[in-house]
């Protein structure tokens, strides 16, 4: 599912345009999170729904054929709307707290 865990760079056609696949098989909430984040960072994003026996899932892709989420995150190329650097934990939606020391993972406890 999550391309941050895989270093692969996959090119495919989405909505009739060649794109870099960011993630596949994600739910609607995850798709919207990635779409908002990537569009804020000036990427043209395409999403493609897929329905199967498990329900609806989405593919998220960008038109930048050189985009690689692993490189973008670890080279601090992505920013949140608040201007903070996207960390691996933020990308994976494990936390909403941003710590520039990406190797320190802090999870927000459910209140």
N, C-alpha and C. Protein backbone atom coordinates (compact mmCIF):
# COMPACT_ATOMS: atom_id res chain seq x y z
N UNK A 1 0.81 -1.19 0.00
CA UNK A 1 0.00 0.00 0.00
C UNK A 1 0.86 1.26 0.00
N UNK A 2 1.60 1.48 1.05
CA UNK A 2 2.31 2.74 1.21
C UNK A 2 3.64 2.71 0.47
N UNK A 3 3.82 3.64 -0.45
CA UNK A 3 5.07 3.66 -1.21
C UNK A 3 6.23 4.19 -0.39
N UNK A 4 5.97 4.80 0.77
CA UNK A 4 7.06 5.24 1.64
C UNK A 4 7.83 4.03 2.15
N UNK A 5 7.16 2.89 2.22
CA UNK A 5 7.82 1.67 2.67
C UNK A 5 8.54 0.97 1.53
N UNK A 6 8.19 1.32 0.32
CA UNK A 6 8.80 0.72 -0.86
C UNK A 6 9.52 1.81 -1.64
N UNK A 7 10.70 1.56 -2.06
CA UNK A 7 11.45 2.56 -2.81
C UNK A 7 11.17 2.55 -4.30
N UNK A 8 10.21 1.73 -4.73
CA UNK A 8 9.94 1.60 -6.16
C UNK A 8 9.40 2.88 -6.75
N UNK A 9 9.76 3.12 -7.98
CA UNK A 9 9.28 4.27 -8.74
C UNK A 9 8.47 3.71 -9.90
N UNK A 10 7.14 3.82 -9.80
CA UNK A 10 6.26 3.19 -10.79
C UNK A 10 5.59 4.27 -11.64
N UNK A 11 5.71 4.10 -12.94
CA UNK A 11 5.06 4.98 -13.91
C UNK A 11 3.89 4.21 -14.51
N UNK A 12 2.73 4.86 -14.58
CA UNK A 12 1.55 4.22 -15.17
C UNK A 12 0.66 5.31 -15.74
N UNK A 13 -0.30 4.88 -16.53
CA UNK A 13 -1.25 5.83 -17.10
C UNK A 13 -2.46 5.91 -16.17
N UNK A 14 -2.77 7.13 -15.74
CA UNK A 14 -3.93 7.39 -14.89
C UNK A 14 -4.74 8.49 -15.54
N UNK A 15 -6.01 8.22 -15.76
CA UNK A 15 -6.90 9.19 -16.41
C UNK A 15 -6.33 9.66 -17.75
N UNK A 16 -5.68 8.76 -18.47
CA UNK A 16 -5.17 9.07 -19.79
C UNK A 16 -3.86 9.83 -19.81
N UNK A 17 -3.20 9.99 -18.67
CA UNK A 17 -1.93 10.72 -18.62
C UNK A 17 -0.90 9.89 -17.89
N UNK A 18 0.35 9.93 -18.39
CA UNK A 18 1.44 9.21 -17.72
C UNK A 18 1.75 9.89 -16.40
N UNK A 19 1.82 9.10 -15.37
CA UNK A 19 2.01 9.62 -14.02
C UNK A 19 2.93 8.72 -13.20
N UNK A 20 3.45 9.29 -12.14
CA UNK A 20 4.13 8.51 -11.12
C UNK A 20 3.09 8.10 -10.10
N UNK A 21 3.04 6.81 -9.82
CA UNK A 21 2.10 6.30 -8.81
C UNK A 21 2.67 6.61 -7.43
N UNK A 22 1.88 7.30 -6.62
CA UNK A 22 2.30 7.63 -5.26
C UNK A 22 1.88 6.51 -4.32
N UNK A 23 0.60 6.16 -4.33
CA UNK A 23 0.10 5.05 -3.52
C UNK A 23 -1.10 4.41 -4.22
N UNK A 24 -1.29 3.14 -3.98
CA UNK A 24 -2.44 2.43 -4.53
C UNK A 24 -3.20 1.74 -3.40
N UNK A 25 -4.46 1.47 -3.65
CA UNK A 25 -5.27 0.73 -2.68
C UNK A 25 -5.57 1.48 -1.41
N UNK A 26 -5.64 2.80 -1.48
CA UNK A 26 -5.90 3.60 -0.28
C UNK A 26 -7.38 3.93 -0.16
N UNK A 27 -7.82 4.18 1.07
CA UNK A 27 -9.22 4.55 1.26
C UNK A 27 -9.43 6.02 0.91
N UNK A 28 -10.68 6.47 0.96
CA UNK A 28 -11.01 7.82 0.52
C UNK A 28 -10.35 8.88 1.40
N UNK A 29 -10.31 8.67 2.70
CA UNK A 29 -9.70 9.64 3.60
C UNK A 29 -8.20 9.79 3.32
N UNK A 30 -7.51 8.67 3.11
CA UNK A 30 -6.07 8.70 2.80
C UNK A 30 -5.84 9.37 1.46
N UNK A 31 -6.69 9.05 0.49
CA UNK A 31 -6.57 9.68 -0.84
C UNK A 31 -6.70 11.19 -0.72
N UNK A 32 -7.67 11.66 0.04
CA UNK A 32 -7.89 13.09 0.18
C UNK A 32 -6.73 13.76 0.90
N UNK A 33 -6.18 13.10 1.93
CA UNK A 33 -5.01 13.62 2.65
C UNK A 33 -3.83 13.80 1.69
N UNK A 34 -3.53 12.76 0.91
CA UNK A 34 -2.40 12.84 -0.02
C UNK A 34 -2.65 13.87 -1.12
N UNK A 35 -3.85 13.90 -1.63
CA UNK A 35 -4.20 14.85 -2.69
C UNK A 35 -4.02 16.28 -2.20
N UNK A 36 -4.55 16.59 -1.03
CA UNK A 36 -4.42 17.94 -0.47
C UNK A 36 -2.96 18.31 -0.23
N UNK A 37 -2.20 17.39 0.35
CA UNK A 37 -0.79 17.64 0.65
C UNK A 37 0.01 17.87 -0.63
N UNK A 38 -0.17 17.01 -1.62
CA UNK A 38 0.60 17.12 -2.86
C UNK A 38 0.20 18.34 -3.68
N UNK A 39 -1.09 18.64 -3.74
CA UNK A 39 -1.51 19.84 -4.46
C UNK A 39 -0.99 21.10 -3.78
N UNK A 40 -0.96 21.11 -2.46
CA UNK A 40 -0.39 22.25 -1.75
C UNK A 40 1.08 22.45 -2.13
N UNK A 41 1.76 21.34 -2.42
CA UNK A 41 3.18 21.38 -2.81
C UNK A 41 3.34 21.50 -4.32
N UNK A 42 2.31 21.94 -5.01
CA UNK A 42 2.32 22.29 -6.43
C UNK A 42 2.47 21.11 -7.39
N UNK A 43 1.99 19.95 -6.98
CA UNK A 43 1.96 18.80 -7.88
C UNK A 43 0.56 18.68 -8.47
N UNK A 44 0.49 18.27 -9.71
CA UNK A 44 -0.81 17.99 -10.33
C UNK A 44 -1.13 16.54 -9.99
N UNK A 45 -2.23 16.35 -9.29
CA UNK A 45 -2.59 15.04 -8.74
C UNK A 45 -3.79 14.46 -9.48
N UNK A 46 -3.69 13.17 -9.79
CA UNK A 46 -4.81 12.42 -10.35
C UNK A 46 -5.16 11.31 -9.37
N UNK A 47 -6.43 11.06 -9.22
CA UNK A 47 -6.88 9.93 -8.41
C UNK A 47 -7.76 9.06 -9.29
N UNK A 48 -7.69 7.78 -9.04
CA UNK A 48 -8.48 6.84 -9.83
C UNK A 48 -9.14 5.84 -8.87
N UNK A 49 -10.48 5.81 -8.86
CA UNK A 49 -11.16 4.86 -7.97
C UNK A 49 -11.16 3.46 -8.55
N UNK A 50 -11.21 2.50 -7.65
CA UNK A 50 -11.31 1.09 -8.05
C UNK A 50 -12.25 0.42 -7.07
N UNK A 51 -13.23 -0.28 -7.59
CA UNK A 51 -14.17 -0.98 -6.73
C UNK A 51 -14.03 -2.47 -6.95
N UNK A 52 -13.89 -3.19 -5.85
CA UNK A 52 -13.82 -4.65 -5.91
C UNK A 52 -14.63 -5.23 -4.75
N UNK A 53 -14.45 -6.49 -4.47
CA UNK A 53 -15.22 -7.13 -3.41
C UNK A 53 -14.88 -6.59 -2.02
N UNK A 54 -13.74 -5.93 -1.86
CA UNK A 54 -13.35 -5.35 -0.58
C UNK A 54 -13.89 -3.93 -0.42
N UNK A 55 -14.48 -3.37 -1.46
CA UNK A 55 -15.01 -2.02 -1.40
C UNK A 55 -14.26 -1.10 -2.34
N UNK A 56 -14.36 0.19 -2.09
CA UNK A 56 -13.74 1.17 -2.95
C UNK A 56 -12.35 1.54 -2.44
N UNK A 57 -11.40 1.59 -3.34
CA UNK A 57 -10.06 2.04 -3.02
C UNK A 57 -9.60 2.97 -4.14
N UNK A 58 -8.52 3.68 -3.89
CA UNK A 58 -8.06 4.68 -4.83
C UNK A 58 -6.58 4.52 -5.13
N UNK A 59 -6.21 4.97 -6.33
CA UNK A 59 -4.82 5.13 -6.71
C UNK A 59 -4.55 6.63 -6.74
N UNK A 60 -3.43 7.04 -6.15
CA UNK A 60 -3.04 8.45 -6.14
C UNK A 60 -1.77 8.56 -6.98
N UNK A 61 -1.77 9.51 -7.92
CA UNK A 61 -0.63 9.68 -8.82
C UNK A 61 -0.38 11.16 -9.07
N UNK A 62 0.85 11.48 -9.44
CA UNK A 62 1.21 12.85 -9.82
C UNK A 62 1.79 12.84 -11.22
N UNK A 63 1.65 13.97 -11.91
CA UNK A 63 2.13 14.03 -13.30
C UNK A 63 3.64 14.23 -13.40
N UNK A 64 4.29 14.55 -12.30
CA UNK A 64 5.74 14.70 -12.29
C UNK A 64 6.35 13.30 -12.32
N UNK A 65 6.92 12.93 -13.47
CA UNK A 65 7.44 11.58 -13.64
C UNK A 65 8.69 11.30 -12.81
N UNK A 66 9.32 12.33 -12.27
CA UNK A 66 10.51 12.15 -11.45
C UNK A 66 10.20 12.12 -9.96
N UNK A 67 8.94 12.34 -9.59
CA UNK A 67 8.56 12.37 -8.18
C UNK A 67 8.72 11.00 -7.55
N UNK A 68 9.34 10.98 -6.38
CA UNK A 68 9.46 9.78 -5.57
C UNK A 68 9.20 10.20 -4.13
N UNK A 69 8.14 9.67 -3.49
CA UNK A 69 7.81 10.11 -2.14
C UNK A 69 8.94 9.91 -1.13
N UNK A 70 9.69 8.84 -1.25
CA UNK A 70 10.79 8.60 -0.31
C UNK A 70 11.81 9.72 -0.40
N UNK A 71 12.20 10.07 -1.61
CA UNK A 71 13.19 11.14 -1.80
C UNK A 71 12.61 12.48 -1.37
N UNK A 72 11.37 12.75 -1.74
CA UNK A 72 10.74 14.03 -1.38
C UNK A 72 10.67 14.22 0.12
N UNK A 73 10.37 13.16 0.85
CA UNK A 73 10.25 13.27 2.31
C UNK A 73 11.62 13.40 2.97
N UNK A 74 12.55 12.52 2.64
CA UNK A 74 13.83 12.54 3.32
C UNK A 74 14.73 13.69 2.88
N UNK A 75 14.45 14.32 1.74
CA UNK A 75 15.18 15.52 1.35
C UNK A 75 14.42 16.79 1.75
N UNK A 76 13.37 16.62 2.55
CA UNK A 76 12.58 17.75 3.10
C UNK A 76 12.03 18.66 2.02
N UNK A 77 11.51 18.06 0.93
CA UNK A 77 10.97 18.85 -0.17
C UNK A 77 9.48 19.13 -0.03
N UNK A 78 8.81 18.44 0.87
CA UNK A 78 7.37 18.64 1.05
C UNK A 78 7.11 19.42 2.32
N UNK A 79 6.11 20.29 2.26
CA UNK A 79 5.73 21.13 3.40
C UNK A 79 4.24 20.96 3.70
N UNK A 80 3.90 21.17 4.95
CA UNK A 80 2.49 21.20 5.34
C UNK A 80 1.95 22.60 5.07
N UNK A 81 0.65 22.78 5.23
CA UNK A 81 0.05 24.10 5.05
C UNK A 81 0.56 25.10 6.07
N UNK A 82 1.05 24.59 7.18
CA UNK A 82 1.63 25.45 8.23
C UNK A 82 3.08 25.79 7.95
N UNK A 83 3.64 25.27 6.86
CA UNK A 83 5.01 25.57 6.48
C UNK A 83 6.05 24.65 7.09
N UNK A 84 5.63 23.61 7.77
CA UNK A 84 6.57 22.68 8.40
C UNK A 84 6.93 21.56 7.43
N UNK A 85 8.10 21.00 7.61
CA UNK A 85 8.60 19.92 6.76
C UNK A 85 7.82 18.64 7.05
N UNK A 86 7.39 17.96 6.00
CA UNK A 86 6.68 16.69 6.15
C UNK A 86 7.66 15.61 6.57
N UNK A 87 7.34 14.93 7.64
CA UNK A 87 8.18 13.83 8.15
C UNK A 87 7.55 12.50 7.73
N UNK A 88 8.30 11.41 7.82
CA UNK A 88 7.73 10.11 7.49
C UNK A 88 6.48 9.78 8.32
N UNK A 89 6.51 10.10 9.61
CA UNK A 89 5.35 9.82 10.47
C UNK A 89 4.14 10.64 10.04
N UNK A 90 4.35 11.88 9.65
CA UNK A 90 3.25 12.71 9.18
C UNK A 90 2.69 12.16 7.86
N UNK A 91 3.58 11.78 6.94
CA UNK A 91 3.17 11.22 5.66
C UNK A 91 2.31 9.97 5.86
N UNK A 92 2.72 9.12 6.80
CA UNK A 92 1.99 7.89 7.06
C UNK A 92 0.77 8.12 7.95
N UNK A 93 0.54 9.36 8.33
CA UNK A 93 -0.58 9.76 9.18
C UNK A 93 -0.55 9.06 10.54
N UNK A 94 0.65 8.88 11.06
CA UNK A 94 0.81 8.31 12.40
C UNK A 94 0.74 9.40 13.46
N UNK A 95 0.99 10.63 13.05
CA UNK A 95 0.96 11.76 13.97
C UNK A 95 0.63 13.03 13.22
N UNK A 96 0.15 14.01 13.96
CA UNK A 96 -0.05 15.33 13.38
C UNK A 96 1.02 16.29 13.90
N UNK A 97 1.82 15.81 14.84
CA UNK A 97 2.91 16.62 15.40
C UNK A 97 4.12 16.50 14.48
N UNK A 98 4.72 17.63 14.17
CA UNK A 98 5.88 17.62 13.29
C UNK A 98 7.13 17.86 14.12
N UNK A 99 8.06 16.92 14.03
CA UNK A 99 9.35 17.05 14.69
C UNK A 99 10.39 16.95 13.59
N UNK A 100 11.21 17.98 13.43
CA UNK A 100 12.18 18.00 12.34
C UNK A 100 13.18 16.85 12.44
N UNK A 101 13.29 16.28 13.60
CA UNK A 101 14.14 15.10 13.76
C UNK A 101 13.27 13.89 13.40
N UNK A 102 13.23 13.56 12.11
CA UNK A 102 12.29 12.57 11.60
C UNK A 102 12.45 11.19 12.24
N UNK A 103 13.58 10.91 12.82
CA UNK A 103 13.80 9.60 13.42
C UNK A 103 13.14 9.49 14.79
N UNK A 104 12.65 10.62 15.32
CA UNK A 104 11.93 10.61 16.58
C UNK A 104 10.44 10.55 16.26
N UNK A 105 9.81 9.44 16.60
CA UNK A 105 8.39 9.29 16.31
C UNK A 105 7.61 9.54 17.59
N UNK A 106 6.70 10.48 17.51
CA UNK A 106 5.83 10.77 18.63
C UNK A 106 4.40 10.62 18.17
N UNK A 107 3.67 9.85 18.88
CA UNK A 107 2.28 9.63 18.52
C UNK A 107 1.39 10.42 19.46
N UNK A 108 0.39 11.02 18.87
CA UNK A 108 -0.59 11.74 19.67
C UNK A 108 -1.56 10.71 20.23
N UNK A 109 -1.71 10.74 21.54
CA UNK A 109 -2.64 9.81 22.17
C UNK A 109 -4.06 10.27 21.92
N UNK A 110 -4.94 9.32 21.69
CA UNK A 110 -6.34 9.66 21.50
C UNK A 110 -6.91 10.17 22.82
N UNK A 111 -7.61 11.26 22.70
CA UNK A 111 -8.15 11.88 23.92
C UNK A 111 -9.48 11.30 24.29
